[in-house]
């Protein structure tokens, strides 16, 4: 096979593998930012964190709609806020580390081993 064609296949395979590894890292991140409380499921987003932080100091219980649009009573909003921030922070740091590691690899075999 022509050397240029082989090089083109190598680059195409590398790009496909890079894209796939990034997609897998993103899927793992999205799975890890799910938080369960009182039978409810929440996807932790910056918007959720912001809303809860504004509402956490109110003198009444916090009612939120979970990811399935069911209302949930959060009896301790400050603890809920601390918990979701901790999960989001840890998961974001792990995601950044994984993406940084993927970017630094120049060979397909090294990238797949992550």
N, C-alpha and C. Protein backbone atom coordinates (compact mmCIF):
# COMPACT_ATOMS: atom_id res chain seq x y z
N UNK A 1 0.85 -1.17 0.00
CA UNK A 1 0.00 0.00 0.00
C UNK A 1 0.90 1.23 0.00
N UNK A 2 0.44 2.26 -0.62
CA UNK A 2 1.18 3.51 -0.70
C UNK A 2 1.40 4.08 0.70
N UNK A 3 2.56 4.64 0.94
CA UNK A 3 2.92 5.19 2.25
C UNK A 3 1.98 6.32 2.67
N UNK A 4 1.56 7.14 1.73
CA UNK A 4 0.65 8.23 2.03
C UNK A 4 -0.72 7.72 2.48
N UNK A 5 -1.16 6.65 1.85
CA UNK A 5 -2.46 6.06 2.22
C UNK A 5 -2.37 5.46 3.63
N UNK A 6 -1.27 4.78 3.92
CA UNK A 6 -1.08 4.22 5.26
C UNK A 6 -1.08 5.32 6.32
N UNK A 7 -0.39 6.41 6.03
CA UNK A 7 -0.34 7.54 6.97
C UNK A 7 -1.74 8.14 7.15
N UNK A 8 -2.49 8.24 6.08
CA UNK A 8 -3.85 8.76 6.16
C UNK A 8 -4.73 7.86 7.02
N UNK A 9 -4.59 6.53 6.87
CA UNK A 9 -5.35 5.59 7.69
C UNK A 9 -4.96 5.70 9.16
N UNK A 10 -3.68 5.87 9.43
CA UNK A 10 -3.22 6.02 10.81
C UNK A 10 -3.82 7.27 11.45
N UNK A 11 -3.81 8.36 10.72
CA UNK A 11 -4.37 9.61 11.24
C UNK A 11 -5.89 9.45 11.44
N UNK A 12 -6.56 8.84 10.50
CA UNK A 12 -8.01 8.64 10.62
C UNK A 12 -8.34 7.76 11.82
N UNK A 13 -7.58 6.69 12.00
CA UNK A 13 -7.80 5.81 13.16
C UNK A 13 -7.53 6.54 14.47
N UNK A 14 -6.47 7.33 14.49
CA UNK A 14 -6.15 8.10 15.70
C UNK A 14 -7.28 9.06 16.03
N UNK A 15 -7.77 9.79 15.03
CA UNK A 15 -8.84 10.76 15.25
C UNK A 15 -10.14 10.08 15.72
N UNK A 16 -10.43 8.93 15.14
CA UNK A 16 -11.63 8.20 15.54
C UNK A 16 -11.49 7.71 16.99
N UNK A 17 -10.32 7.21 17.33
CA UNK A 17 -10.09 6.74 18.69
C UNK A 17 -10.14 7.90 19.68
N UNK A 18 -9.54 9.03 19.32
CA UNK A 18 -9.57 10.21 20.17
C UNK A 18 -11.01 10.66 20.42
N UNK A 19 -11.79 10.71 19.38
CA UNK A 19 -13.19 11.11 19.50
C UNK A 19 -13.97 10.13 20.38
N UNK A 20 -13.72 8.85 20.20
CA UNK A 20 -14.41 7.83 20.99
C UNK A 20 -14.03 7.92 22.47
N UNK A 21 -12.76 8.13 22.75
CA UNK A 21 -12.32 8.23 24.15
C UNK A 21 -12.91 9.48 24.82
N UNK A 22 -12.98 10.58 24.09
CA UNK A 22 -13.61 11.78 24.64
C UNK A 22 -15.09 11.55 24.92
N UNK A 23 -15.75 10.86 24.02
CA UNK A 23 -17.18 10.56 24.20
C UNK A 23 -17.38 9.68 25.43
N UNK A 24 -16.52 8.67 25.60
CA UNK A 24 -16.63 7.78 26.76
C UNK A 24 -16.38 8.54 28.06
N UNK A 25 -15.42 9.44 28.05
CA UNK A 25 -15.15 10.24 29.25
C UNK A 25 -16.35 11.13 29.58
N UNK A 26 -16.97 11.71 28.57
CA UNK A 26 -18.15 12.55 28.78
C UNK A 26 -19.32 11.73 29.33
N UNK A 27 -19.51 10.53 28.81
CA UNK A 27 -20.59 9.66 29.29
C UNK A 27 -20.35 9.27 30.75
N UNK A 28 -19.10 8.96 31.08
CA UNK A 28 -18.77 8.61 32.46
C UNK A 28 -19.05 9.80 33.39
N UNK A 29 -18.68 11.00 32.96
CA UNK A 29 -18.94 12.21 33.75
C UNK A 29 -20.45 12.37 33.97
N UNK A 30 -21.22 12.24 32.90
CA UNK A 30 -22.68 12.41 33.02
C UNK A 30 -23.32 11.37 33.93
N UNK A 31 -22.76 10.18 33.99
CA UNK A 31 -23.29 9.16 34.89
C UNK A 31 -22.93 9.45 36.35
N UNK A 32 -21.76 10.03 36.56
CA UNK A 32 -21.31 10.28 37.92
C UNK A 32 -21.91 11.53 38.56
N UNK A 33 -22.49 12.43 37.77
CA UNK A 33 -23.08 13.63 38.37
C UNK A 33 -24.56 13.45 38.69
N UNK A 34 -24.98 12.23 38.77
CA UNK A 34 -26.35 11.95 39.19
C UNK A 34 -26.34 11.74 40.70
N UNK A 35 -27.27 12.40 41.39
CA UNK A 35 -27.33 12.36 42.85
C UNK A 35 -28.72 11.88 43.27
N UNK A 36 -28.75 10.95 44.21
CA UNK A 36 -30.01 10.37 44.67
C UNK A 36 -30.27 10.79 46.12
N UNK A 37 -31.51 11.22 46.37
CA UNK A 37 -31.92 11.58 47.73
C UNK A 37 -33.44 11.43 47.84
N UNK A 38 -33.89 10.87 48.93
CA UNK A 38 -35.33 10.71 49.21
C UNK A 38 -36.09 10.06 48.05
N UNK A 39 -35.49 9.11 47.38
CA UNK A 39 -36.14 8.45 46.25
C UNK A 39 -36.16 9.27 44.98
N UNK A 40 -35.47 10.38 44.97
CA UNK A 40 -35.43 11.26 43.80
C UNK A 40 -34.06 11.20 43.14
N UNK A 41 -34.04 11.56 41.88
CA UNK A 41 -32.82 11.56 41.09
C UNK A 41 -32.58 12.97 40.58
N UNK A 42 -31.39 13.49 40.83
CA UNK A 42 -31.02 14.81 40.35
C UNK A 42 -29.75 14.72 39.52
N UNK A 43 -29.77 15.38 38.36
CA UNK A 43 -28.54 15.56 37.59
C UNK A 43 -27.95 16.87 38.07
N UNK A 44 -26.75 16.80 38.63
CA UNK A 44 -26.13 18.00 39.19
C UNK A 44 -25.59 18.86 38.06
N UNK A 45 -26.10 20.06 38.00
CA UNK A 45 -25.66 21.04 37.01
C UNK A 45 -25.29 22.33 37.73
N UNK A 46 -24.53 23.20 37.08
CA UNK A 46 -24.25 24.50 37.70
C UNK A 46 -25.54 25.27 38.02
N UNK A 47 -26.56 25.08 37.20
CA UNK A 47 -27.84 25.76 37.44
C UNK A 47 -28.49 25.26 38.73
N UNK A 48 -28.46 23.94 38.94
CA UNK A 48 -29.02 23.38 40.17
C UNK A 48 -28.26 23.89 41.38
N UNK A 49 -26.94 23.89 41.29
CA UNK A 49 -26.12 24.38 42.40
C UNK A 49 -26.43 25.85 42.68
N UNK A 50 -26.53 26.65 41.64
CA UNK A 50 -26.83 28.06 41.82
C UNK A 50 -28.20 28.29 42.45
N UNK A 51 -29.21 27.57 41.96
CA UNK A 51 -30.56 27.74 42.50
C UNK A 51 -30.62 27.33 43.96
N UNK A 52 -30.04 26.18 44.28
CA UNK A 52 -30.08 25.70 45.66
C UNK A 52 -29.29 26.64 46.57
N UNK A 53 -28.18 27.19 46.08
CA UNK A 53 -27.41 28.10 46.93
C UNK A 53 -28.19 29.37 47.24
N UNK A 54 -28.98 29.84 46.29
CA UNK A 54 -29.82 31.02 46.54
C UNK A 54 -30.94 30.68 47.52
N UNK A 55 -31.52 29.51 47.37
CA UNK A 55 -32.68 29.14 48.18
C UNK A 55 -32.33 28.50 49.52
N UNK A 56 -31.08 28.11 49.73
CA UNK A 56 -30.70 27.36 50.93
C UNK A 56 -30.89 28.13 52.22
N UNK A 57 -30.81 29.43 52.18
CA UNK A 57 -30.93 30.24 53.40
C UNK A 57 -32.36 30.63 53.74
N UNK A 58 -33.30 30.22 52.94
CA UNK A 58 -34.71 30.54 53.21
C UNK A 58 -35.17 29.77 54.45
N UNK A 59 -36.09 30.32 55.20
CA UNK A 59 -36.52 29.66 56.45
C UNK A 59 -37.52 28.51 56.25
N UNK A 60 -37.77 28.11 55.04
CA UNK A 60 -38.73 27.03 54.79
C UNK A 60 -38.05 25.90 54.02
N UNK A 61 -38.71 24.75 54.02
CA UNK A 61 -38.17 23.60 53.29
C UNK A 61 -38.12 23.91 51.80
N UNK A 62 -37.17 23.31 51.15
CA UNK A 62 -36.98 23.52 49.71
C UNK A 62 -37.69 22.41 48.94
N UNK A 63 -38.51 22.80 47.98
CA UNK A 63 -39.19 21.85 47.12
C UNK A 63 -38.56 21.97 45.73
N UNK A 64 -38.05 20.87 45.22
CA UNK A 64 -37.42 20.84 43.91
C UNK A 64 -38.10 19.80 43.03
N UNK A 65 -38.00 19.99 41.74
CA UNK A 65 -38.42 18.96 40.80
C UNK A 65 -37.17 18.17 40.43
N UNK A 66 -37.25 16.85 40.56
CA UNK A 66 -36.09 16.03 40.23
C UNK A 66 -36.00 15.83 38.71
N UNK A 67 -35.09 14.99 38.28
CA UNK A 67 -34.87 14.78 36.85
C UNK A 67 -36.08 14.17 36.14
N UNK A 68 -36.97 13.55 36.91
CA UNK A 68 -38.18 12.96 36.34
C UNK A 68 -39.39 13.87 36.52
N UNK A 69 -39.15 15.12 36.91
CA UNK A 69 -40.20 16.12 37.14
C UNK A 69 -41.15 15.77 38.27
N UNK A 70 -40.65 15.08 39.29
CA UNK A 70 -41.43 14.80 40.49
C UNK A 70 -40.99 15.76 41.58
N UNK A 71 -41.94 16.33 42.30
CA UNK A 71 -41.57 17.25 43.38
C UNK A 71 -40.96 16.48 44.56
N UNK A 72 -39.91 17.06 45.12
CA UNK A 72 -39.21 16.44 46.24
C UNK A 72 -38.96 17.50 47.31
N UNK A 73 -39.26 17.14 48.54
CA UNK A 73 -39.02 18.04 49.65
C UNK A 73 -37.60 17.80 50.18
N UNK A 74 -36.80 18.86 50.17
CA UNK A 74 -35.44 18.79 50.70
C UNK A 74 -35.48 19.46 52.07
N UNK A 75 -35.37 18.65 53.12
CA UNK A 75 -35.53 19.16 54.47
C UNK A 75 -34.29 19.90 54.98
N UNK A 76 -33.13 19.56 54.46
CA UNK A 76 -31.90 20.24 54.88
C UNK A 76 -31.18 20.76 53.63
N UNK A 77 -31.61 21.91 53.11
CA UNK A 77 -31.04 22.43 51.87
C UNK A 77 -29.54 22.70 51.94
N UNK A 78 -29.03 23.11 53.10
CA UNK A 78 -27.60 23.39 53.22
C UNK A 78 -26.77 22.12 53.07
N UNK A 79 -27.23 21.03 53.66
CA UNK A 79 -26.52 19.75 53.52
C UNK A 79 -26.62 19.26 52.08
N UNK A 80 -27.81 19.37 51.49
CA UNK A 80 -28.00 18.99 50.10
C UNK A 80 -27.05 19.77 49.20
N UNK A 81 -26.94 21.08 49.44
CA UNK A 81 -26.04 21.92 48.65
C UNK A 81 -24.59 21.47 48.81
N UNK A 82 -24.17 21.23 50.03
CA UNK A 82 -22.79 20.79 50.27
C UNK A 82 -22.52 19.45 49.58
N UNK A 83 -23.49 18.55 49.62
CA UNK A 83 -23.33 17.23 48.99
C UNK A 83 -23.22 17.33 47.47
N UNK A 84 -24.09 18.12 46.85
CA UNK A 84 -24.04 18.18 45.39
C UNK A 84 -22.80 18.94 44.90
N UNK A 85 -22.36 19.94 45.68
CA UNK A 85 -21.12 20.64 45.30
C UNK A 85 -19.94 19.68 45.38
N UNK A 86 -19.89 18.87 46.43
CA UNK A 86 -18.79 17.91 46.59
C UNK A 86 -18.76 16.91 45.44
N UNK A 87 -19.93 16.38 45.09
CA UNK A 87 -19.99 15.41 43.99
C UNK A 87 -19.58 16.06 42.68
N UNK A 88 -20.10 17.24 42.41
CA UNK A 88 -19.79 17.93 41.15
C UNK A 88 -18.31 18.29 41.08
N UNK A 89 -17.76 18.76 42.17
CA UNK A 89 -16.35 19.15 42.20
C UNK A 89 -15.44 17.95 41.95
N UNK A 90 -15.67 16.87 42.66
CA UNK A 90 -14.85 15.67 42.49
C UNK A 90 -14.97 15.10 41.08
N UNK A 91 -16.17 15.02 40.59
CA UNK A 91 -16.41 14.46 39.26
C UNK A 91 -15.81 15.33 38.17
N UNK A 92 -15.91 16.65 38.31
CA UNK A 92 -15.34 17.56 37.33
C UNK A 92 -13.82 17.45 37.28
N UNK A 93 -13.21 17.33 38.45
CA UNK A 93 -11.75 17.18 38.50
C UNK A 93 -11.31 15.87 37.84
N UNK A 94 -12.05 14.79 38.10
CA UNK A 94 -11.73 13.51 37.46
C UNK A 94 -11.88 13.59 35.95
N UNK A 95 -12.92 14.25 35.50
CA UNK A 95 -13.17 14.42 34.06
C UNK A 95 -12.05 15.22 33.41
N UNK A 96 -11.64 16.30 34.05
CA UNK A 96 -10.54 17.11 33.53
C UNK A 96 -9.26 16.30 33.44
N UNK A 97 -8.97 15.52 34.47
CA UNK A 97 -7.75 14.69 34.46
C UNK A 97 -7.80 13.67 33.33
N UNK A 98 -8.96 13.08 33.12
CA UNK A 98 -9.09 12.07 32.06
C UNK A 98 -8.92 12.71 30.68
N UNK A 99 -9.56 13.86 30.45
CA UNK A 99 -9.44 14.54 29.16
C UNK A 99 -8.01 14.99 28.92
N UNK A 100 -7.35 15.49 29.95
CA UNK A 100 -5.95 15.91 29.83
C UNK A 100 -5.06 14.72 29.48
N UNK A 101 -5.31 13.57 30.10
CA UNK A 101 -4.54 12.37 29.80
C UNK A 101 -4.77 11.91 28.36
N UNK A 102 -6.01 11.99 27.92
CA UNK A 102 -6.33 11.58 26.54
C UNK A 102 -5.61 12.49 25.55
N UNK A 103 -5.62 13.80 25.80
CA UNK A 103 -4.98 14.74 24.89
C UNK A 103 -3.47 14.52 24.80
N UNK A 104 -2.87 14.04 25.88
CA UNK A 104 -1.41 13.90 25.90
C UNK A 104 -0.91 12.65 25.17
N UNK A 105 -1.79 11.73 24.88
CA UNK A 105 -1.39 10.48 24.23
C UNK A 105 -1.30 10.68 22.73
N UNK A 106 -0.24 10.15 22.15
CA UNK A 106 -0.02 10.29 20.72
C UNK A 106 -0.17 8.98 19.97
N UNK A 107 -0.35 7.90 20.71
CA UNK A 107 -0.53 6.59 20.07
C UNK A 107 -1.87 6.01 20.49
N UNK A 108 -2.49 5.30 19.57
CA UNK A 108 -3.80 4.71 19.84
C UNK A 108 -3.74 3.75 21.01
N UNK A 109 -2.72 2.92 21.06
CA UNK A 109 -2.60 1.92 22.13
C UNK A 109 -2.53 2.59 23.50
N UNK A 110 -1.79 3.69 23.58
CA UNK A 110 -1.68 4.41 24.86
C UNK A 110 -3.03 5.01 25.26
N UNK A 111 -3.76 5.50 24.30
CA UNK A 111 -5.05 6.14 24.56
C UNK A 111 -6.08 5.12 25.03
N UNK A 112 -6.08 3.96 24.45
CA UNK A 112 -7.07 2.94 24.78
C UNK A 112 -6.81 2.37 26.17
N UNK A 113 -5.56 2.40 26.63
CA UNK A 113 -5.22 1.86 27.95
C UNK A 113 -5.72 2.72 29.11
N UNK A 114 -6.19 3.93 28.82
CA UNK A 114 -6.64 4.82 29.92
C UNK A 114 -7.86 4.30 30.58
